[in-house]
C-alpha atoms as a PDB file:
ATOM      1  CA  UNK A   1     137.533 134.245 175.734  1.00  0.00           C
ATOM      2  CA  UNK A   2     137.628 132.881 172.170  1.00  0.00           C
ATOM      3  CA  UNK A   3     137.075 135.338 169.335  1.00  0.00           C
ATOM      4  CA  UNK A   4     135.893 133.958 165.987  1.00  0.00           C
ATOM      5  CA  UNK A   5     138.087 134.809 163.081  1.00  0.00           C
ATOM      6  CA  UNK A   6     137.062 136.771 160.001  1.00  0.00           C
ATOM      7  CA  UNK A   7     137.426 133.622 157.901  1.00  0.00           C
ATOM      8  CA  UNK A   8     134.683 131.941 159.911  1.00  0.00           C
ATOM      9  CA  UNK A   9     132.331 134.867 159.331  1.00  0.00           C
ATOM     10  CA  UNK A  10     133.189 134.908 155.641  1.00  0.00           C
ATOM     11  CA  UNK A  11     132.521 131.203 155.223  1.00  0.00           C
ATOM     12  CA  UNK A  12     129.218 131.438 157.104  1.00  0.00           C
ATOM     13  CA  UNK A  13     127.999 134.391 155.047  1.00  0.00           C
ATOM     14  CA  UNK A  14     129.140 132.794 151.778  1.00  0.00           C
ATOM     15  CA  UNK A  15     127.328 129.561 152.550  1.00  0.00           C
ATOM     16  CA  UNK A  16     124.092 131.460 153.152  1.00  0.00           C
ATOM     17  CA  UNK A  17     124.139 132.950 149.639  1.00  0.00           C
ATOM     18  CA  UNK A  18     122.541 130.926 146.836  1.00  0.00           C
ATOM     19  CA  UNK A  19     125.013 129.679 144.250  1.00  0.00           C
ATOM     20  CA  UNK A  20     122.557 130.271 141.391  1.00  0.00           C
ATOM     21  CA  UNK A  21     119.882 132.905 141.019  1.00  0.00           C
ATOM     22  CA  UNK A  22     116.498 131.843 142.330  1.00  0.00           C
ATOM     23  CA  UNK A  23     114.899 132.080 138.902  1.00  0.00           C
ATOM     24  CA  UNK A  24     116.829 130.555 135.948  1.00  0.00           C
ATOM     25  CA  UNK A  25     114.853 132.740 133.511  1.00  0.00           C
ATOM     26  CA  UNK A  26     116.204 135.878 135.200  1.00  0.00           C
ATOM     27  CA  UNK A  27     119.741 134.513 135.011  1.00  0.00           C
ATOM     28  CA  UNK A  28     119.277 133.700 131.303  1.00  0.00           C
ATOM     29  CA  UNK A  29     117.829 137.141 130.569  1.00  0.00           C
ATOM     30  CA  UNK A  30     120.661 138.925 132.368  1.00  0.00           C
ATOM     31  CA  UNK A  31     123.241 136.798 130.542  1.00  0.00           C
ATOM     32  CA  UNK A  32     121.576 137.695 127.251  1.00  0.00           C
ATOM     33  CA  UNK A  33     121.642 141.426 128.101  1.00  0.00           C
ATOM     34  CA  UNK A  34     125.328 141.256 129.016  1.00  0.00           C
ATOM     35  CA  UNK A  35     126.094 139.407 125.773  1.00  0.00           C
ATOM     36  CA  UNK A  36     124.129 141.933 123.697  1.00  0.00           C
ATOM     37  CA  UNK A  37     125.836 144.830 125.479  1.00  0.00           C
ATOM     38  CA  UNK A  38     129.281 143.460 124.608  1.00  0.00           C
ATOM     39  CA  UNK A  39     128.176 142.874 121.006  1.00  0.00           C
ATOM     40  CA  UNK A  40     126.991 146.476 120.759  1.00  0.00           C
ATOM     41  CA  UNK A  41     130.207 147.830 122.249  1.00  0.00           C
ATOM     42  CA  UNK A  42     132.366 145.787 119.880  1.00  0.00           C
ATOM     43  CA  UNK A  43     130.265 146.827 116.865  1.00  0.00           C
ATOM     44  CA  UNK A  44     130.618 150.486 117.843  1.00  0.00           C
ATOM     45  CA  UNK A  45     134.375 150.071 118.218  1.00  0.00           C
ATOM     46  CA  UNK A  46     134.658 148.468 114.774  1.00  0.00           C
ATOM     47  CA  UNK A  47     132.477 151.207 113.252  1.00  0.00           C
ATOM     48  CA  UNK A  48     134.609 153.927 114.856  1.00  0.00           C
ATOM     49  CA  UNK A  49     137.820 152.351 113.577  1.00  0.00           C
ATOM     50  CA  UNK A  50     136.378 152.001 110.071  1.00  0.00           C
ATOM     51  CA  UNK A  51     135.194 155.612 110.038  1.00  0.00           C
ATOM     52  CA  UNK A  52     138.576 156.825 111.274  1.00  0.00           C
ATOM     53  CA  UNK A  53     140.406 154.885 108.544  1.00  0.00           C
ATOM     54  CA  UNK A  54     138.033 156.273 105.907  1.00  0.00           C
ATOM     55  CA  UNK A  55     138.490 159.867 107.106  1.00  0.00           C
ATOM     56  CA  UNK A  56     142.265 159.468 107.228  1.00  0.00           C
ATOM     57  CA  UNK A  57     142.195 158.057 103.692  1.00  0.00           C
ATOM     58  CA  UNK A  58     140.338 161.137 102.456  1.00  0.00           C
ATOM     59  CA  UNK A  59     142.764 163.415 104.293  1.00  0.00           C
ATOM     60  CA  UNK A  60     145.766 161.673 102.723  1.00  0.00           C
ATOM     61  CA  UNK A  61     144.233 161.980  99.252  1.00  0.00           C
ATOM     62  CA  UNK A  62     143.662 165.711  99.842  1.00  0.00           C
ATOM     63  CA  UNK A  63     147.215 166.180 101.115  1.00  0.00           C
ATOM     64  CA  UNK A  64     148.639 164.368  98.090  1.00  0.00           C
ATOM     65  CA  UNK A  65     146.576 166.596  95.802  1.00  0.00           C
ATOM     66  CA  UNK A  66     147.925 169.688  97.547  1.00  0.00           C
ATOM     67  CA  UNK A  67     151.514 168.471  97.275  1.00  0.00           C
ATOM     68  CA  UNK A  68     151.206 167.581  93.589  1.00  0.00           C
ATOM     69  CA  UNK A  69     149.275 170.722  92.621  1.00  0.00           C
ATOM     70  CA  UNK A  70     150.132 173.527  95.057  1.00  0.00           C
ATOM     71  CA  UNK A  71     148.051 176.675  94.685  1.00  0.00           C
END
């Protein structure tokens, strides 16, 4: 009795899947959404870093003022 290997099943199931989505417009739209998502995430990261630097700058200025003119 010959048993088919897992590789044979994998190749048969992979060949039955379409290589491209059925509708190119759907593929384009999904690619656009993924691109816009990554743009949004990177913009939020840059904004967070900028805000953190600004807040740290204010904190350093306040600390310097306290050191120079202690109460």
